[in-house]
Amino acid sequence: MYFLPNESRNFISPPTSNPPIFNYVSFCKILSINDIRDKVETILKKQNFISS
């Protein structure tokens, strides 16, 4: 982390040996890139960021 500016280092916590409280690997296995894209597109359309 020494390559980062001091401002960035303040926001990043040091590595820990504690296991994560959420199983990110199994969550990511069920994610579909197309589903994510569709959901983002729907949200952007609702916010009028993109046209149909």
Protein backbone atom coordinates (compact mmCIF):
# COMPACT_ATOMS: atom_id res chain seq x y z
CA MET A 1 0.00 0.00 0.00
CA TYR A 2 3.00 2.25 0.11
CA PHE A 3 2.54 3.13 -3.53
CA LEU A 4 -0.79 4.82 -2.75
CA PRO A 5 -1.09 8.45 -1.69
CA ASN A 6 -1.66 9.06 2.02
CA GLU A 7 -5.28 10.06 1.43
CA SER A 8 -6.04 6.68 -0.11
CA ARG A 9 -4.23 4.73 2.58
CA ASN A 10 -6.48 6.26 5.22
CA PHE A 11 -9.54 4.64 3.62
CA ILE A 12 -8.09 1.16 3.18
CA SER A 13 -7.83 -1.08 6.20
CA PRO A 14 -4.76 -3.25 6.63
CA PRO A 15 -5.04 -6.94 5.71
CA THR A 16 -6.48 -9.19 8.37
CA SER A 17 -6.37 -12.92 9.02
CA ASN A 18 -10.07 -13.01 9.90
CA PRO A 19 -12.27 -14.83 7.39
CA PRO A 20 -14.72 -12.69 5.43
CA ILE A 21 -18.20 -12.42 6.89
CA PHE A 22 -19.74 -13.05 3.48
CA ASN A 23 -18.96 -15.87 1.04
CA TYR A 24 -18.14 -13.74 -2.00
CA VAL A 25 -17.00 -16.66 -4.14
CA SER A 26 -20.30 -18.52 -3.99
CA PHE A 27 -22.21 -15.29 -4.54
CA CYS A 28 -20.16 -14.46 -7.63
CA LYS A 29 -20.74 -17.95 -9.03
CA ILE A 30 -24.46 -17.25 -9.36
CA LEU A 31 -24.05 -13.82 -10.92
CA SER A 32 -24.75 -13.50 -14.59
CA ILE A 33 -23.03 -10.71 -16.48
CA ASN A 34 -26.08 -10.36 -18.71
CA ASP A 35 -28.40 -10.07 -15.71
CA ILE A 36 -26.20 -7.37 -14.21
CA ARG A 37 -26.08 -5.47 -17.50
CA ASP A 38 -29.87 -5.69 -17.85
CA LYS A 39 -30.43 -4.43 -14.31
CA VAL A 40 -28.01 -1.53 -14.76
CA GLU A 41 -29.64 -0.65 -18.06
CA THR A 42 -33.09 -0.70 -16.45
CA ILE A 43 -31.95 1.60 -13.66
CA LEU A 44 -30.30 4.00 -16.10
CA LYS A 45 -33.45 4.10 -18.22
CA LYS A 46 -35.53 4.90 -15.15
CA GLN A 47 -33.13 7.73 -14.34
CA ASN A 48 -33.25 8.94 -17.97
CA PHE A 49 -29.51 8.48 -18.42
CA ILE A 50 -30.02 6.46 -21.58
CA SER A 51 -32.80 6.41 -24.14
CA SER A 52 -34.70 3.31 -25.19
